[in-house]
Amino acid sequence: MPNPDPIPPTSIRQRFMRTMRVAAAFSIVIAALAVLLVARGQSELHIHMLIATALGIGLTVLLGTALMTLIFLSDRSGHDADAGARPSERDES
């Protein structure tokens, strides 16, 4: 079991930023698709509804991917294993 480092190494930060760039592009594509579907389904378009749809869907997808990325990177760094251990089981070296 790796010992958790209080300051994450730069490789984890770089991995997070790379994943977030891909997630941002993915959320833009999904938001654009949602706006197209909303615009296609309505006879009269309201710009406010299209903006709200784009922001709502885009930010929701981006937030979800950011939280999932943080969970995966936290597990990989070893912080999760120490947090779930009982105080008597922790290695206090």
PDB file of N, CA and C in Angstrom:
ATOM      1  N   MET A   1       0.851  -1.178   0.000  1.00  0.00           N
ATOM      2  CA  MET A   1       0.000   0.000   0.000  1.00  0.00           C
ATOM      3  C   MET A   1       0.896   1.240   0.000  1.00  0.00           C
ATOM      4  N   PRO A   2       0.739   2.135  -0.977  1.00  0.00           N
ATOM      5  CA  PRO A   2       1.576   3.334  -1.016  1.00  0.00           C
ATOM      6  C   PRO A   2       1.196   4.315   0.086  1.00  0.00           C
ATOM      7  N   ASN A   3       2.202   5.003   0.584  1.00  0.00           N
ATOM      8  CA  ASN A   3       1.949   6.054   1.570  1.00  0.00           C
ATOM      9  C   ASN A   3       1.441   7.290   0.844  1.00  0.00           C
ATOM     10  N   PRO A   4       0.344   7.868   1.304  1.00  0.00           N
ATOM     11  CA  PRO A   4      -0.168   9.072   0.649  1.00  0.00           C
ATOM     12  C   PRO A   4       0.769  10.256   0.873  1.00  0.00           C
ATOM     13  N   ASP A   5       0.945  11.010  -0.171  1.00  0.00           N
ATOM     14  CA  ASP A   5       1.773  12.208  -0.106  1.00  0.00           C
ATOM     15  C   ASP A   5       0.843  13.398   0.100  1.00  0.00           C
ATOM     16  N   PRO A   6       1.102  14.288   1.079  1.00  0.00           N
ATOM     17  CA  PRO A   6       0.195  15.409   1.310  1.00  0.00           C
ATOM     18  C   PRO A   6       0.121  16.377   0.129  1.00  0.00           C
ATOM     19  N   ILE A   7       1.177  16.482  -0.642  1.00  0.00           N
ATOM     20  CA  ILE A   7       1.186  17.344  -1.818  1.00  0.00           C
ATOM     21  C   ILE A   7       1.265  16.446  -3.051  1.00  0.00           C
ATOM     22  N   PRO A   8       0.232  16.463  -3.901  1.00  0.00           N
ATOM     23  CA  PRO A   8       0.264  15.567  -5.047  1.00  0.00           C
ATOM     24  C   PRO A   8       1.387  15.925  -6.005  1.00  0.00           C
ATOM     25  N   PRO A   9       2.013  14.928  -6.589  1.00  0.00           N
ATOM     26  CA  PRO A   9       3.073  15.222  -7.558  1.00  0.00           C
ATOM     27  C   PRO A   9       2.509  15.891  -8.805  1.00  0.00           C
ATOM     28  N   THR A  10       3.378  16.493  -9.554  1.00  0.00           N
ATOM     29  CA  THR A  10       2.933  17.232 -10.737  1.00  0.00           C
ATOM     30  C   THR A  10       2.345  16.303 -11.789  1.00  0.00           C
ATOM     31  N   SER A  11       2.737  15.034 -11.795  1.00  0.00           N
ATOM     32  CA  SER A  11       2.189  14.134 -12.804  1.00  0.00           C
ATOM     33  C   SER A  11       0.684  13.945 -12.604  1.00  0.00           C
ATOM     34  N   ILE A  12       0.224  13.934 -11.357  1.00  0.00           N
ATOM     35  CA  ILE A  12      -1.210  13.812 -11.107  1.00  0.00           C
ATOM     36  C   ILE A  12      -1.928  15.072 -11.567  1.00  0.00           C
ATOM     37  N   ARG A  13      -1.327  16.220 -11.318  1.00  0.00           N
ATOM     38  CA  ARG A  13      -1.934  17.477 -11.786  1.00  0.00           C
ATOM     39  C   ARG A  13      -1.988  17.531 -13.306  1.00  0.00           C
ATOM     40  N   GLN A  14      -0.902  17.087 -13.949  1.00  0.00           N
ATOM     41  CA  GLN A  14      -0.893  17.074 -15.406  1.00  0.00           C
ATOM     42  C   GLN A  14      -1.930  16.108 -15.957  1.00  0.00           C
ATOM     43  N   ARG A  15      -2.074  14.955 -15.325  1.00  0.00           N
ATOM     44  CA  ARG A  15      -3.065  13.983 -15.751  1.00  0.00           C
ATOM     45  C   ARG A  15      -4.475  14.545 -15.573  1.00  0.00           C
ATOM     46  N   PHE A  16      -4.700  15.256 -14.459  1.00  0.00           N
ATOM     47  CA  PHE A  16      -6.010  15.864 -14.225  1.00  0.00           C
ATOM     48  C   PHE A  16      -6.309  16.929 -15.271  1.00  0.00           C
ATOM     49  N   MET A  17      -5.350  17.778 -15.564  1.00  0.00           N
ATOM     50  CA  MET A  17      -5.575  18.838 -16.547  1.00  0.00           C
ATOM     51  C   MET A  17      -5.807  18.267 -17.946  1.00  0.00           C
ATOM     52  N   ARG A  18      -5.073  17.216 -18.299  1.00  0.00           N
ATOM     53  CA  ARG A  18      -5.273  16.593 -19.604  1.00  0.00           C
ATOM     54  C   ARG A  18      -6.672  15.989 -19.696  1.00  0.00           C
ATOM     55  N   THR A  19      -7.100  15.322 -18.641  1.00  0.00           N
ATOM     56  CA  THR A  19      -8.441  14.739 -18.618  1.00  0.00           C
ATOM     57  C   THR A  19      -9.507  15.821 -18.667  1.00  0.00           C
ATOM     58  N   MET A  20      -9.281  16.931 -17.986  1.00  0.00           N
ATOM     59  CA  MET A  20     -10.263  18.012 -17.990  1.00  0.00           C
ATOM     60  C   MET A  20     -10.355  18.694 -19.358  1.00  0.00           C
ATOM     61  N   ARG A  21      -9.263  18.759 -20.093  1.00  0.00           N
ATOM     62  CA  ARG A  21      -9.337  19.311 -21.453  1.00  0.00           C
ATOM     63  C   ARG A  21     -10.209  18.430 -22.337  1.00  0.00           C
ATOM     64  N   VAL A  22     -10.039  17.116 -22.227  1.00  0.00           N
ATOM     65  CA  VAL A  22     -10.876  16.191 -22.995  1.00  0.00           C
ATOM     66  C   VAL A  22     -12.327  16.294 -22.527  1.00  0.00           C
ATOM     67  N   ALA A  23     -12.536  16.397 -21.211  1.00  0.00           N
ATOM     68  CA  ALA A  23     -13.893  16.501 -20.667  1.00  0.00           C
ATOM     69  C   ALA A  23     -14.557  17.803 -21.102  1.00  0.00           C
ATOM     70  N   ALA A  24     -13.803  18.886 -21.187  1.00  0.00           N
ATOM     71  CA  ALA A  24     -14.369  20.159 -21.640  1.00  0.00           C
ATOM     72  C   ALA A  24     -14.815  20.063 -23.098  1.00  0.00           C
ATOM     73  N   ALA A  25     -13.996  19.439 -23.928  1.00  0.00           N
ATOM     74  CA  ALA A  25     -14.390  19.257 -25.326  1.00  0.00           C
ATOM     75  C   ALA A  25     -15.618  18.361 -25.429  1.00  0.00           C
ATOM     76  N   PHE A  26     -15.659  17.301 -24.623  1.00  0.00           N
ATOM     77  CA  PHE A  26     -16.798  16.396 -24.612  1.00  0.00           C
ATOM     78  C   PHE A  26     -18.063  17.118 -24.162  1.00  0.00           C
ATOM     79  N   SER A  27     -17.958  17.950 -23.126  1.00  0.00           N
ATOM     80  CA  SER A  27     -19.147  18.659 -22.632  1.00  0.00           C
ATOM     81  C   SER A  27     -19.638  19.692 -23.641  1.00  0.00           C
ATOM     82  N   ILE A  28     -18.746  20.298 -24.391  1.00  0.00           N
ATOM     83  CA  ILE A  28     -19.161  21.245 -25.439  1.00  0.00           C
ATOM     84  C   ILE A  28     -19.927  20.523 -26.542  1.00  0.00           C
ATOM     85  N   VAL A  29     -19.431  19.345 -26.922  1.00  0.00           N
ATOM     86  CA  VAL A  29     -20.111  18.570 -27.960  1.00  0.00           C
ATOM     87  C   VAL A  29     -21.495  18.126 -27.481  1.00  0.00           C
ATOM     88  N   ILE A  30     -21.580  17.655 -26.243  1.00  0.00           N
ATOM     89  CA  ILE A  30     -22.861  17.202 -25.706  1.00  0.00           C
ATOM     90  C   ILE A  30     -23.834  18.381 -25.569  1.00  0.00           C
ATOM     91  N   ALA A  31     -23.339  19.546 -25.124  1.00  0.00           N
ATOM     92  CA  ALA A  31     -24.201  20.721 -24.998  1.00  0.00           C
ATOM     93  C   ALA A  31     -24.698  21.179 -26.368  1.00  0.00           C
ATOM     94  N   ALA A  32     -23.836  21.143 -27.368  1.00  0.00           N
ATOM     95  CA  ALA A  32     -24.257  21.533 -28.717  1.00  0.00           C
ATOM     96  C   ALA A  32     -25.309  20.565 -29.252  1.00  0.00           C
ATOM     97  N   LEU A  33     -25.131  19.281 -28.971  1.00  0.00           N
ATOM     98  CA  LEU A  33     -26.119  18.296 -29.394  1.00  0.00           C
ATOM     99  C   LEU A  33     -27.457  18.527 -28.695  1.00  0.00           C
ATOM    100  N   ALA A  34     -27.422  18.858 -27.419  1.00  0.00           N
ATOM    101  CA  ALA A  34     -28.655  19.132 -26.677  1.00  0.00           C
ATOM    102  C   ALA A  34     -29.358  20.370 -27.222  1.00  0.00           C
ATOM    103  N   VAL A  35     -28.598  21.404 -27.552  1.00  0.00           N
ATOM    104  CA  VAL A  35     -29.194  22.623 -28.111  1.00  0.00           C
ATOM    105  C   VAL A  35     -29.825  22.325 -29.466  1.00  0.00           C
ATOM    106  N   LEU A  36     -29.164  21.520 -30.286  1.00  0.00           N
ATOM    107  CA  LEU A  36     -29.736  21.155 -31.584  1.00  0.00           C
ATOM    108  C   LEU A  36     -31.033  20.370 -31.421  1.00  0.00           C
ATOM    109  N   LEU A  37     -31.062  19.461 -30.458  1.00  0.00           N
ATOM    110  CA  LEU A  37     -32.286  18.690 -30.238  1.00  0.00           C
ATOM    111  C   LEU A  37     -33.427  19.566 -29.718  1.00  0.00           C
ATOM    112  N   VAL A  38     -33.111  20.511 -28.841  1.00  0.00           N
ATOM    113  CA  VAL A  38     -34.148  21.413 -28.328  1.00  0.00           C
ATOM    114  C   VAL A  38     -34.634  22.334 -29.440  1.00  0.00           C
ATOM    115  N   ALA A  39     -33.710  22.857 -30.237  1.00  0.00           N
ATOM    116  CA  ALA A  39     -34.096  23.765 -31.320  1.00  0.00           C
ATOM    117  C   ALA A  39     -34.904  23.045 -32.395  1.00  0.00           C
ATOM    118  N   ARG A  40     -34.597  21.793 -32.609  1.00  0.00           N
ATOM    119  CA  ARG A  40     -35.304  21.017 -33.630  1.00  0.00           C
ATOM    120  C   ARG A  40     -36.724  20.654 -33.182  1.00  0.00           C
ATOM    121  N   GLY A  41     -36.924  20.502 -31.899  1.00  0.00           N
ATOM    122  CA  GLY A  41     -38.208  20.058 -31.396  1.00  0.00           C
ATOM    123  C   GLY A  41     -39.224  21.162 -31.182  1.00  0.00           C
ATOM    124  N   GLN A  42     -38.830  22.399 -31.171  1.00  0.00           N
ATOM    125  CA  GLN A  42     -39.762  23.497 -30.883  1.00  0.00           C
ATOM    126  C   GLN A  42     -40.034  24.303 -32.149  1.00  0.00           C
ATOM    127  N   SER A  43     -41.262  24.779 -32.256  1.00  0.00           N
ATOM    128  CA  SER A  43     -41.622  25.572 -33.431  1.00  0.00           C
ATOM    129  C   SER A  43     -41.100  27.002 -33.313  1.00  0.00           C
ATOM    130  N   GLU A  44     -41.178  27.572 -32.114  1.00  0.00           N
ATOM    131  CA  GLU A  44     -40.628  28.922 -31.921  1.00  0.00           C
ATOM    132  C   GLU A  44     -39.444  28.832 -30.954  1.00  0.00           C
ATOM    133  N   LEU A  45     -38.367  29.484 -31.317  1.00  0.00           N
ATOM    134  CA  LEU A  45     -37.137  29.403 -30.532  1.00  0.00           C
ATOM    135  C   LEU A  45     -37.012  30.603 -29.602  1.00  0.00           C
ATOM    136  N   HIS A  46     -36.629  30.329 -28.394  1.00  0.00           N
ATOM    137  CA  HIS A  46     -36.313  31.374 -27.431  1.00  0.00           C
ATOM    138  C   HIS A  46     -34.834  31.248 -27.103  1.00  0.00           C
ATOM    139  N   ILE A  47     -34.113  32.312 -27.320  1.00  0.00           N
ATOM    140  CA  ILE A  47     -32.669  32.287 -27.124  1.00  0.00           C
ATOM    141  C   ILE A  47     -32.311  31.987 -25.673  1.00  0.00           C
ATOM    142  N   HIS A  48     -33.152  32.438 -24.749  1.00  0.00           N
ATOM    143  CA  HIS A  48     -32.862  32.199 -23.334  1.00  0.00           C
ATOM    144  C   HIS A  48     -32.923  30.709 -22.989  1.00  0.00           C
ATOM    145  N   MET A  49     -33.860  30.014 -23.601  1.00  0.00           N
ATOM    146  CA  MET A  49     -33.964  28.577 -23.349  1.00  0.00           C
ATOM    147  C   MET A  49     -32.771  27.831 -23.952  1.00  0.00           C
ATOM    148  N   LEU A  50     -32.313  28.254 -25.111  1.00  0.00           N
ATOM    149  CA  LEU A  50     -31.162  27.612 -25.725  1.00  0.00           C
ATOM    150  C   LEU A  50     -29.894  27.857 -24.918  1.00  0.00           C
ATOM    151  N   ILE A  51     -29.733  29.066 -24.402  1.00  0.00           N
ATOM    152  CA  ILE A  51     -28.561  29.374 -23.570  1.00  0.00           C
ATOM    153  C   ILE A  51     -28.611  28.580 -22.269  1.00  0.00           C
ATOM    154  N   ALA A  52     -29.796  28.514 -21.661  1.00  0.00           N
ATOM    155  CA  ALA A  52     -29.933  27.755 -20.413  1.00  0.00           C
ATOM    156  C   ALA A  52     -29.673  26.272 -20.639  1.00  0.00           C
ATOM    157  N   THR A  53     -30.128  25.749 -21.763  1.00  0.00           N
ATOM    158  CA  THR A  53     -29.882  24.335 -22.076  1.00  0.00           C
ATOM    159  C   THR A  53     -28.397  24.077 -22.263  1.00  0.00           C
ATOM    160  N   ALA A  54     -27.734  24.946 -23.019  1.00  0.00           N
ATOM    161  CA  ALA A  54     -26.305  24.767 -23.263  1.00  0.00           C
ATOM    162  C   ALA A  54     -25.507  24.853 -21.964  1.00  0.00           C
ATOM    163  N   LEU A  55     -25.805  25.843 -21.145  1.00  0.00           N
ATOM    164  CA  LEU A  55     -25.068  25.982 -19.884  1.00  0.00           C
ATOM    165  C   LEU A  55     -25.386  24.852 -18.910  1.00  0.00           C
ATOM    166  N   GLY A  56     -26.646  24.502 -18.805  1.00  0.00           N
ATOM    167  CA  GLY A  56     -27.039  23.456 -17.869  1.00  0.00           C
ATOM    168  C   GLY A  56     -26.438  22.106 -18.217  1.00  0.00           C
ATOM    169  N   ILE A  57     -26.587  21.689 -19.459  1.00  0.00           N
ATOM    170  CA  ILE A  57     -26.060  20.390 -19.883  1.00  0.00           C
ATOM    171  C   ILE A  57     -24.542  20.412 -19.883  1.00  0.00           C
ATOM    172  N   GLY A  58     -23.940  21.460 -20.411  1.00  0.00           N
ATOM    173  CA  GLY A  58     -22.470  21.525 -20.483  1.00  0.00           C
ATOM    174  C   GLY A  58     -21.817  21.520 -19.118  1.00  0.00           C
ATOM    175  N   LEU A  59     -22.316  22.332 -18.206  1.00  0.00           N
ATOM    176  CA  LEU A  59     -21.705  22.383 -16.874  1.00  0.00           C
ATOM    177  C   LEU A  59     -21.981  21.125 -16.064  1.00  0.00           C
ATOM    178  N   THR A  60     -23.125  20.493 -16.266  1.00  0.00           N
ATOM    179  CA  THR A  60     -23.422  19.250 -15.565  1.00  0.00           C
ATOM    180  C   THR A  60     -22.482  18.133 -16.009  1.00  0.00           C
ATOM    181  N   VAL A  61     -22.272  18.016 -17.299  1.00  0.00           N
ATOM    182  CA  VAL A  61     -21.348  16.994 -17.814  1.00  0.00           C
ATOM    183  C   VAL A  61     -19.926  17.292 -17.345  1.00  0.00           C
ATOM    184  N   LEU A  62     -19.531  18.548 -17.376  1.00  0.00           N
ATOM    185  CA  LEU A  62     -18.187  18.910 -16.935  1.00  0.00           C
ATOM    186  C   LEU A  62     -17.984  18.643 -15.446  1.00  0.00           C
ATOM    187  N   LEU A  63     -18.968  18.956 -14.630  1.00  0.00           N
ATOM    188  CA  LEU A  63     -18.870  18.694 -13.197  1.00  0.00           C
ATOM    189  C   LEU A  63     -18.809  17.200 -12.912  1.00  0.00           C
ATOM    190  N   GLY A  64     -19.626  16.437 -13.588  1.00  0.00           N
ATOM    191  CA  GLY A  64     -19.608  14.987 -13.388  1.00  0.00           C
ATOM    192  C   GLY A  64     -18.278  14.363 -13.755  1.00  0.00           C
ATOM    193  N   THR A  65     -17.713  14.764 -14.878  1.00  0.00           N
ATOM    194  CA  THR A  65     -16.414  14.204 -15.267  1.00  0.00           C
ATOM    195  C   THR A  65     -15.301  14.676 -14.344  1.00  0.00           C
ATOM    196  N   ALA A  66     -15.393  15.901 -13.855  1.00  0.00           N
ATOM    197  CA  ALA A  66     -14.366  16.393 -12.921  1.00  0.00           C
ATOM    198  C   ALA A  66     -14.396  15.609 -11.617  1.00  0.00           C
ATOM    199  N   LEU A  67     -15.582  15.364 -11.087  1.00  0.00           N
ATOM    200  CA  LEU A  67     -15.679  14.612  -9.836  1.00  0.00           C
ATOM    201  C   LEU A  67     -15.234  13.167 -10.012  1.00  0.00           C
ATOM    202  N   MET A  68     -15.601  12.548 -11.114  1.00  0.00           N
ATOM    203  CA  MET A  68     -15.154  11.174 -11.360  1.00  0.00           C
ATOM    204  C   MET A  68     -13.648  11.112 -11.545  1.00  0.00           C
ATOM    205  N   THR A  69     -13.062  12.100 -12.210  1.00  0.00           N
ATOM    206  CA  THR A  69     -11.617  12.142 -12.389  1.00  0.00           C
ATOM    207  C   THR A  69     -10.913  12.300 -11.056  1.00  0.00           C
ATOM    208  N   LEU A  70     -11.433  13.161 -10.191  1.00  0.00           N
ATOM    209  CA  LEU A  70     -10.832  13.323  -8.873  1.00  0.00           C
ATOM    210  C   LEU A  70     -10.900  12.043  -8.049  1.00  0.00           C
ATOM    211  N   ILE A  71     -11.997  11.308  -8.148  1.00  0.00           N
ATOM    212  CA  ILE A  71     -12.111  10.037  -7.427  1.00  0.00           C
ATOM    213  C   ILE A  71     -11.083   9.041  -7.938  1.00  0.00           C
ATOM    214  N   PHE A  72     -10.940   8.918  -9.242  1.00  0.00           N
ATOM    215  CA  PHE A  72      -9.989   7.970  -9.800  1.00  0.00           C
ATOM    216  C   PHE A  72      -8.548   8.347  -9.454  1.00  0.00           C
ATOM    217  N   LEU A  73      -8.215   9.631  -9.524  1.00  0.00           N
ATOM    218  CA  LEU A  73      -6.856  10.046  -9.197  1.00  0.00           C
ATOM    219  C   LEU A  73      -6.568   9.913  -7.709  1.00  0.00           C
ATOM    220  N   SER A  74      -7.559  10.136  -6.863  1.00  0.00           N
ATOM    221  CA  SER A  74      -7.378   9.960  -5.429  1.00  0.00           C
ATOM    222  C   SER A  74      -7.139   8.498  -5.098  1.00  0.00           C
ATOM    223  N   ASP A  75      -7.867   7.613  -5.748  1.00  0.00           N
ATOM    224  CA  ASP A  75      -7.670   6.185  -5.512  1.00  0.00           C
ATOM    225  C   ASP A  75      -6.286   5.745  -5.967  1.00  0.00           C
ATOM    226  N   ARG A  76      -5.839   6.258  -7.084  1.00  0.00           N
ATOM    227  CA  ARG A  76      -4.534   5.880  -7.609  1.00  0.00           C
ATOM    228  C   ARG A  76      -3.386   6.375  -6.721  1.00  0.00           C
ATOM    229  N   SER A  77      -3.571   7.519  -6.052  1.00  0.00           N
ATOM    230  CA  SER A  77      -2.497   8.076  -5.230  1.00  0.00           C
ATOM    231  C   SER A  77      -2.370   7.386  -3.881  1.00  0.00           C
ATOM    232  N   GLY A  78      -3.382   6.621  -3.444  1.00  0.00           N
ATOM    233  CA  GLY A  78      -3.295   5.909  -2.184  1.00  0.00           C
ATOM    234  C   GLY A  78      -3.950   6.617  -1.024  1.00  0.00           C
ATOM    235  N   HIS A  79      -4.571   7.748  -1.243  1.00  0.00           N
ATOM    236  CA  HIS A  79      -5.219   8.494  -0.166  1.00  0.00           C
ATOM    237  C   HIS A  79      -6.470   7.794   0.354  1.00  0.00           C
ATOM    238  N   ASP A  80      -7.168   7.084  -0.519  1.00  0.00           N
ATOM    239  CA  ASP A  80      -8.417   6.448  -0.120  1.00  0.00           C
ATOM    240  C   ASP A  80      -8.198   5.282   0.832  1.00  0.00           C
ATOM    241  N   ALA A  81      -7.137   4.525   0.643  1.00  0.00           N
ATOM    242  CA  ALA A  81      -6.895   3.360   1.489  1.00  0.00           C
ATOM    243  C   ALA A  81      -6.611   3.782   2.933  1.00  0.00           C
ATOM    244  N   ASP A  82      -5.890   4.858   3.115  1.00  0.00           N
ATOM    245  CA  ASP A  82      -5.573   5.317   4.463  1.00  0.00           C
ATOM    246  C   ASP A  82      -6.780   5.973   5.125  1.00  0.00           C
ATOM    247  N   ALA A  83      -7.634   6.595   4.364  1.00  0.00           N
ATOM    248  CA  ALA A  83      -8.797   7.274   4.939  1.00  0.00           C
ATOM    249  C   ALA A  83      -9.822   6.283   5.476  1.00  0.00           C
ATOM    250  N   GLY A  84      -9.916   5.109   4.877  1.00  0.00           N
ATOM    251  CA  GLY A  84     -10.900   4.136   5.318  1.00  0.00           C
ATOM    252  C   GLY A  84     -10.405   3.205   6.401  1.00  0.00           C
ATOM    253  N   ALA A  85      -9.133   3.265   6.751  1.00  0.00           N
ATOM    254  CA  ALA A  85      -8.579   2.355   7.748  1.00  0.00           C
ATOM    255  C   ALA A  85      -8.935   2.816   9.158  1.00  0.00           C
ATOM    256  N   ARG A  86      -9.042   1.845  10.058  1.00  0.00           N
ATOM    257  CA  ARG A  86      -9.269   2.170  11.471  1.00  0.00           C
ATOM    258  C   ARG A  86      -7.990   2.756  12.053  1.00  0.00           C
ATOM    259  N   PRO A  87      -8.107   3.564  13.107  1.00  0.00           N
ATOM    260  CA  PRO A  87      -6.895   4.157  13.691  1.00  0.00           C
ATOM    261  C   PRO A  87      -5.884   3.112  14.168  1.00  0.00           C
ATOM    262  N   SER A  88      -6.335   1.959  14.603  1.00  0.00           N
ATOM    263  CA  SER A  88      -5.404   0.936  15.062  1.00  0.00           C
ATOM    264  C   SER A  88      -4.698   0.249  13.892  1.00  0.00           C
ATOM    265  N   GLU A  89      -5.266   0.319  12.684  1.00  0.00           N
ATOM    266  CA  GLU A  89      -4.678  -0.330  11.523  1.00  0.00           C
ATOM    267  C   GLU A  89      -3.754   0.589  10.740  1.00  0.00           C
ATOM    268  N   ARG A  90      -3.773   1.854  11.009  1.00  0.00           N
ATOM    269  CA  ARG A  90      -2.944   2.799  10.246  1.00  0.00           C
ATOM    270  C   ARG A  90      -1.485   2.634  10.606  1.00  0.00           C
ATOM    271  N   ASP A  91      -0.655   2.802   9.601  1.00  0.00           N
ATOM    272  CA  ASP A  91       0.779   2.719   9.801  1.00  0.00           C
ATOM    273  C   ASP A  91       1.291   4.094  10.201  1.00  0.00           C
ATOM    274  N   GLU A  92       1.665   4.264  11.424  1.00  0.00           N
ATOM    275  CA  GLU A  92       2.109   5.565  11.939  1.00  0.00           C
ATOM    276  C   GLU A  92       3.626   5.671  11.937  1.00  0.00           C
ATOM    277  N   SER A  93       4.265   5.350  10.820  1.00  0.00           N
ATOM    278  CA  SER A  93       5.731   5.414  10.740  1.00  0.00           C
ATOM    279  C   SER A  93       6.192   6.796  10.393  1.00  0.00           C
TER     280      SER A  93
END
